Protein backbone atom coordinates (compact mmCIF):
# COMPACT_ATOMS: atom_id res chain seq x y z
CA MET A 1 -0.23 0.11 0.01
CA SER A 2 1.46 3.22 -1.05
CA ASN A 3 1.31 6.49 0.83
CA ARG A 4 -1.17 8.17 -1.78
CA GLU A 5 -3.86 5.74 -0.99
CA ILE A 6 -3.78 7.32 2.84
CA PRO A 7 -6.69 10.24 2.50
CA LYS A 8 -5.10 13.51 4.26
CA ARG A 9 -8.09 13.70 6.73
CA VAL A 10 -11.26 11.76 7.75
CA PHE A 11 -13.19 14.54 8.13
CA PRO A 12 -14.42 16.89 5.58
CA PRO A 13 -13.68 20.80 5.05
CA ALA A 14 -15.44 23.44 7.19
CA LYS A 15 -16.33 25.10 3.65
CA ASP A 16 -18.29 21.57 2.65
CA ASP A 17 -20.33 21.70 6.00
CA ALA A 18 -21.14 25.08 5.46
CA ALA A 19 -22.47 24.56 2.08
CA SER A 20 -24.29 21.96 3.37
CA ALA A 21 -25.53 23.58 6.07
CA ARG A 22 -27.39 26.08 3.94
CA HIS A 23 -29.37 23.41 2.68
CA VAL A 24 -30.89 21.92 5.41
CA ALA A 25 -35.17 21.77 4.63
CA PRO A 26 -36.83 24.71 6.44
CA ALA A 27 -38.35 24.80 9.79
CA PRO A 28 -39.39 26.85 12.66
CA GLN A 29 -35.86 25.26 14.12
CA THR A 30 -33.99 25.35 11.24
CA THR A 31 -34.59 28.92 10.50
CA HIS A 32 -33.68 30.50 13.22
CA ALA A 33 -30.88 32.77 14.21
CA SER A 34 -29.87 29.44 16.73
CA TYR A 35 -30.03 27.01 14.33
CA ARG A 36 -26.53 29.22 12.19
CA LEU A 37 -23.09 27.79 12.31
CA ALA A 38 -21.59 30.00 14.92
CA PHE A 39 -18.89 30.96 11.58
CA GLN A 40 -21.84 31.61 9.56
CA ASP A 41 -23.72 33.70 11.72
CA MET A 42 -22.82 37.45 11.34
CA ASP A 43 -24.88 38.64 14.03
CA PHE A 44 -23.61 36.16 16.18
CA LEU A 45 -19.65 37.10 15.09
CA LEU A 46 -20.24 41.26 15.41
CA ARG A 47 -21.63 41.14 19.19
CA ASP A 48 -19.52 43.19 21.53
CA ASP A 49 -18.51 40.04 23.62
CA LEU A 50 -17.42 38.57 20.77
CA ARG A 51 -14.94 41.10 20.57
CA PRO A 52 -11.69 39.06 21.22
CA VAL A 53 -12.55 36.65 18.40
CA ARG A 54 -12.60 39.48 15.85
CA PHE A 55 -9.81 40.59 17.61
CA GLN A 56 -7.89 37.28 17.52
CA LEU A 57 -9.26 36.90 13.15
CA GLU A 58 -7.81 40.36 12.64
CA LEU A 59 -4.35 39.64 14.19
CA MET A 60 -4.28 35.53 12.10
CA LYS A 61 -5.84 36.31 8.47
CA PRO A 62 -2.90 38.72 7.60
CA GLU A 63 -0.30 36.84 9.06
CA LEU A 64 -1.62 33.37 7.71
CA LEU A 65 -1.40 35.30 4.11
CA LEU A 66 1.74 36.85 4.34
CA GLU A 67 3.36 33.80 5.89
CA GLU A 68 2.38 31.29 2.63
CA ALA A 69 3.49 34.59 0.53
CA LYS A 70 6.76 33.95 1.70
CA ILE A 71 7.15 37.40 3.16
CA GLY A 72 10.07 37.50 5.29
CA SER A 73 10.52 41.31 5.82
CA THR A 74 9.17 44.41 4.95
CA PHE A 75 10.23 48.42 4.84
CA VAL A 76 7.51 50.26 6.33
CA PHE A 77 6.70 53.45 4.52
CA TYR A 78 4.47 55.99 7.19
CA GLY A 79 3.52 59.45 5.85
CA SER A 80 0.70 61.79 4.75
CA ALA A 81 -2.62 61.15 2.49
CA ARG A 82 -2.67 64.92 1.15
CA ILE A 83 1.03 65.28 -0.22
CA PRO A 84 -0.14 65.76 -4.02
CA GLU A 85 2.55 64.21 -6.68
CA ALA A 86 4.33 67.06 -8.78
CA ASP A 87 2.34 66.75 -11.52
CA LYS A 88 -0.84 67.43 -9.22
CA ALA A 89 0.77 70.00 -6.89
CA ASP A 90 0.19 72.92 -8.70
CA MET A 91 -3.70 71.88 -9.51
CA LEU A 92 -3.61 72.13 -6.02
CA VAL A 93 -2.65 75.87 -5.68
CA GLY A 94 -4.68 76.78 -8.49
CA ALA A 95 -8.10 75.08 -6.38
CA ALA A 96 -7.22 77.41 -3.64
CA VAL A 97 -9.72 80.39 -3.00
CA THR A 98 -8.43 82.19 -0.05
CA ASP A 99 -4.93 83.63 0.90
CA THR A 100 -4.99 80.71 3.63
CA GLN A 101 -6.01 77.85 1.50
CA ARG A 102 -3.13 79.17 -1.02
CA LYS A 103 -0.39 78.94 1.85
CA ILE A 104 -1.67 75.88 2.78
CA ALA A 105 -1.02 74.54 -0.99
CA GLU A 106 2.07 75.98 -1.40
CA ARG A 107 3.43 74.22 1.22
CA LEU A 108 1.99 70.75 0.18
CA LYS A 109 3.66 71.72 -3.18
CA ALA A 110 6.63 71.99 -1.59
CA LYS A 111 6.35 68.26 -0.07
CA ALA A 112 5.74 67.01 -3.69
CA ARG A 113 9.15 65.88 -3.92
CA TYR A 114 8.42 63.29 -1.35
CA TYR A 115 6.40 61.53 -3.72
CA ASP A 116 9.04 61.29 -5.59
CA GLU A 117 11.04 60.38 -3.07
CA ALA A 118 9.24 57.37 -1.89
CA ARG A 119 8.66 55.67 -5.32
CA THR A 120 12.26 55.72 -5.66
CA LEU A 121 13.04 54.17 -1.73
CA ALA A 122 10.11 51.65 -2.77
CA GLN A 123 12.32 50.55 -5.84
CA LEU A 124 15.36 49.83 -4.20
CA ALA A 125 13.91 48.04 -1.66
CA SER A 126 11.84 46.06 -3.58
CA GLN A 127 15.06 44.64 -5.32
CA ALA A 128 16.07 43.11 -2.51
CA ALA A 129 17.39 39.28 -2.91
CA PRO A 130 15.58 36.41 -0.94
CA ASP A 131 17.14 34.89 1.56
CA ALA A 132 18.35 31.21 1.09
CA GLU A 133 14.83 29.93 2.32
CA GLY A 134 13.27 31.81 -0.59
CA ARG A 135 11.73 34.24 1.69
CA ARG A 136 11.28 37.70 0.09
CA GLN A 137 13.17 40.54 1.88
CA PHE A 138 12.29 44.57 2.22
CA VAL A 139 9.00 44.38 0.63
CA VAL A 140 7.06 47.47 0.87
CA CYS A 141 4.32 47.63 3.01
CA SER A 142 2.19 51.33 2.95
CA GLY A 143 -1.06 51.82 4.68
CA GLY A 144 -2.76 51.37 1.25
CA GLY A 145 -4.15 54.74 0.65
CA PRO A 146 -3.35 57.98 -1.76
CA SER A 147 -0.38 60.52 -1.40
CA ILE A 148 2.74 58.97 -0.32
CA MET A 149 1.39 55.54 0.29
CA GLU A 150 0.43 55.55 -3.20
CA ALA A 151 4.23 56.09 -4.02
CA ALA A 152 5.24 53.32 -1.85
CA ASN A 153 3.17 50.95 -3.73
CA ARG A 154 3.59 52.72 -7.25
CA GLY A 155 7.34 52.32 -6.68
CA ALA A 156 7.14 48.64 -5.98
CA ALA A 157 4.68 47.93 -8.58
CA ASP A 158 7.74 50.02 -10.96
CA VAL A 159 10.08 46.75 -10.82
CA GLY A 160 7.69 44.08 -10.43
CA ALA A 161 7.98 43.81 -7.29
CA ASP A 162 4.48 42.89 -4.72
CA SER A 163 3.86 45.30 -2.05
CA ILE A 164 1.43 45.31 1.04
CA GLY A 165 -1.56 47.86 1.60
CA LEU A 166 -2.75 47.75 5.02
CA ASN A 167 -6.51 49.56 4.73
CA ILE A 168 -8.30 50.37 7.87
CA VAL A 169 -12.15 51.03 8.02
CA LEU A 170 -13.00 55.19 7.95
CA PRO A 171 -16.24 56.79 8.33
CA HIS A 172 -15.41 58.10 4.68
CA GLU A 173 -14.41 56.53 1.84
CA GLN A 174 -11.03 54.72 1.77
CA ALA A 175 -10.25 52.25 -0.92
CA PRO A 176 -6.33 50.61 -1.52
CA ASN A 177 -4.65 52.73 -4.16
CA CYS A 178 -4.11 50.66 -7.62
CA TYR A 179 -0.79 49.81 -7.24
CA VAL A 180 -1.30 47.54 -4.03
CA THR A 181 -0.68 43.72 -4.66
CA PRO A 182 -4.52 42.06 -4.91
CA SER A 183 -2.96 39.41 -2.70
CA LEU A 184 -1.16 41.48 -0.42
CA SER A 185 -4.27 44.20 0.46
CA PHE A 186 -5.88 44.12 3.68
CA GLN A 187 -8.45 45.44 5.94
CA PHE A 188 -8.84 46.31 9.55
CA HIS A 189 -11.22 47.64 11.71
CA TYR A 190 -8.73 47.82 14.37
CA PHE A 191 -6.23 50.53 14.55
CA ALA A 192 -4.19 48.83 17.38
CA LEU A 193 -3.86 45.16 14.81
CA ARG A 194 -3.16 47.39 11.88
CA LYS A 195 -0.15 49.20 13.42
CA MET A 196 0.94 45.32 14.91
CA HIS A 197 0.90 44.19 11.49
CA PHE A 198 2.79 46.52 9.89
CA LEU A 199 5.94 46.53 12.62
CA LEU A 200 5.50 42.39 13.22
CA ARG A 201 7.86 41.96 9.99
CA ALA A 202 9.79 45.54 9.82
CA ARG A 203 13.37 45.63 9.34
CA ALA A 204 13.56 49.22 8.09
CA VAL A 205 10.87 52.37 8.32
CA ALA A 206 10.68 55.36 6.49
CA VAL A 207 8.96 58.28 7.59
CA PHE A 208 7.86 60.89 5.39
CA PRO A 209 5.94 64.42 6.35
CA GLY A 210 2.13 63.56 7.42
CA GLY A 211 -0.34 64.22 10.63
CA PHE A 212 -2.16 62.75 13.11
CA GLY A 213 -2.15 58.87 11.45
CA THR A 214 1.93 59.33 10.56
CA PHE A 215 2.94 60.92 14.28
CA ASP A 216 0.74 57.83 16.27
CA GLU A 217 2.26 55.15 13.90
CA THR A 218 5.65 56.61 14.37
CA PHE A 219 5.74 57.31 18.15
CA GLU A 220 4.65 54.59 19.07
CA LEU A 221 7.44 52.76 17.17
CA LEU A 222 9.10 55.03 19.27
CA THR A 223 7.84 53.96 22.34
CA LEU A 224 8.22 50.24 21.52
CA ILE A 225 12.08 50.87 20.90
CA GLN A 226 12.72 52.72 23.77
CA THR A 227 11.36 50.87 26.16
CA GLY A 228 13.11 47.72 24.96
CA LYS A 229 9.33 46.21 23.60
CA MET A 230 11.00 45.72 20.29
CA LYS A 231 14.57 45.32 18.83
CA PRO A 232 16.34 48.92 17.43
CA LEU A 233 15.84 49.18 13.46
CA PRO A 234 16.65 52.13 11.18
CA ILE A 235 13.73 54.85 11.27
CA LEU A 236 14.43 57.17 8.48
CA PHE A 237 12.68 60.70 8.95
CA PHE A 238 12.33 62.38 5.33
CA GLY A 239 12.76 66.33 5.24
CA LYS A 240 14.73 67.54 8.78
CA ASP A 241 13.52 70.68 8.24
CA PHE A 242 9.62 69.69 8.63
CA TRP A 243 10.28 67.40 11.66
CA THR A 244 12.28 70.16 13.20
CA ARG A 245 10.06 72.57 12.84
CA VAL A 246 6.82 70.54 13.73
CA VAL A 247 8.43 68.64 16.62
CA ASP A 248 10.70 70.00 18.41
CA PHE A 249 13.15 67.21 19.78
CA ASP A 250 16.14 68.56 21.29
CA ALA A 251 13.31 70.48 23.82
CA LEU A 252 12.78 67.22 24.74
CA VAL A 253 15.32 66.38 26.03
CA GLY A 254 16.29 69.60 27.51
CA GLU A 255 12.54 69.46 29.33
CA GLY A 256 14.13 65.80 30.57
CA VAL A 257 11.01 63.89 29.74
CA ILE A 258 13.30 61.47 26.81
CA SER A 259 17.41 61.04 26.99
CA PRO A 260 19.57 61.77 24.50
CA ASN A 261 20.52 58.98 23.75
CA ASP A 262 16.39 58.23 22.62
CA LEU A 263 17.29 60.83 18.96
CA LYS A 264 19.47 58.23 17.93
CA LEU A 265 16.83 55.93 17.79
CA PHE A 266 15.87 57.75 14.39
CA ARG A 267 17.53 59.62 11.61
CA PHE A 268 17.16 62.68 9.41
CA VAL A 269 17.39 62.10 5.41
CA GLU A 270 16.90 63.13 2.15
CA THR A 271 16.82 61.27 -0.41
CA ALA A 272 15.73 57.65 -1.19
CA ASP A 273 19.61 57.09 -1.79
CA ASP A 274 20.72 58.00 1.48
CA ALA A 275 17.84 56.01 3.07
CA TRP A 276 18.89 52.76 1.17
CA GLU A 277 22.07 53.32 1.90
CA HIS A 278 21.87 53.68 5.85
CA VAL A 279 19.54 50.65 5.57
CA THR A 280 22.07 48.31 3.78
CA ALA A 281 24.88 49.65 5.61
CA TYR A 282 22.83 48.85 9.29
CA TRP A 283 22.22 45.40 8.81
CA ALA A 284 25.54 44.68 6.90
CA LYS A 285 27.26 45.40 10.03
CA ARG A 286 24.19 43.68 12.42
CA GLU A 287 25.24 40.71 9.91
CA ALA A 288 28.94 41.21 10.65
CA GLU A 289 28.53 41.36 14.23
CA ARG A 290 26.33 38.36 14.40
CA ARG A 291 29.09 36.21 13.17
CA GLN A 292 31.50 37.41 15.03
CA GLN A 293 29.47 36.60 18.21
CA ALA A 294 28.72 33.22 16.69
CA ALA A 295 32.77 32.23 16.16
CA GLU A 296 33.68 33.55 19.63
């Protein structure tokens, strides 16, 4: 008897039972909500007391699919959903009606270059070689939305590489940008689970100018490393003029609420080439240290 004659499983797949359950004879007992299979009962799954189960599902689904896609590590891109690409920057200025709107539009136009830098950095990261086990490294991962996020996914698409988009359900319309790889496009309900997936495989993070969302994601990352919950990794702040104007890091040190060493958790860069050079040098140094320790 060959191994091929031994069945892989003796229980039917859940999808088969689910299909059978939809074809039961109608009766007061079978048509009542209580009779539905638990995993087919949306009213049940959406109950407040099932929130822990939904947490687990939202953690597990992307994890399983990313593992199946052999995503070994990611290069995460944070940044504004409002910065225009250079070709559309003038349209934004032209649409301004008041002086205040025009000043804001001009400021956004000045930051349009970061769209190009994000796109170029994503191109560089997406050409990283897989490891010996065939797991893909530095796969571009963005929030899946427009602007800087779109630039990141677009850069990966430019060189024929897959990229990840982590969208979230918002009160206003939210949809993935067209450059996210469909099989790696995920939607989240919980911000906490989305932020966890941003960092589980992250081996480098690029932080472009942004607002509340960018601050939220970035400062949680810095806190995780500062408190030892997460190992250090390259964190690259694009645009020193922007970041030092909106956040007085030196004042935080001067006030005693962070230490001078905390400022070493990240570095300022201006170009994609500078960022990628730092990332590759950082991990080359860590690999050399690892080999030296192993030799000792």
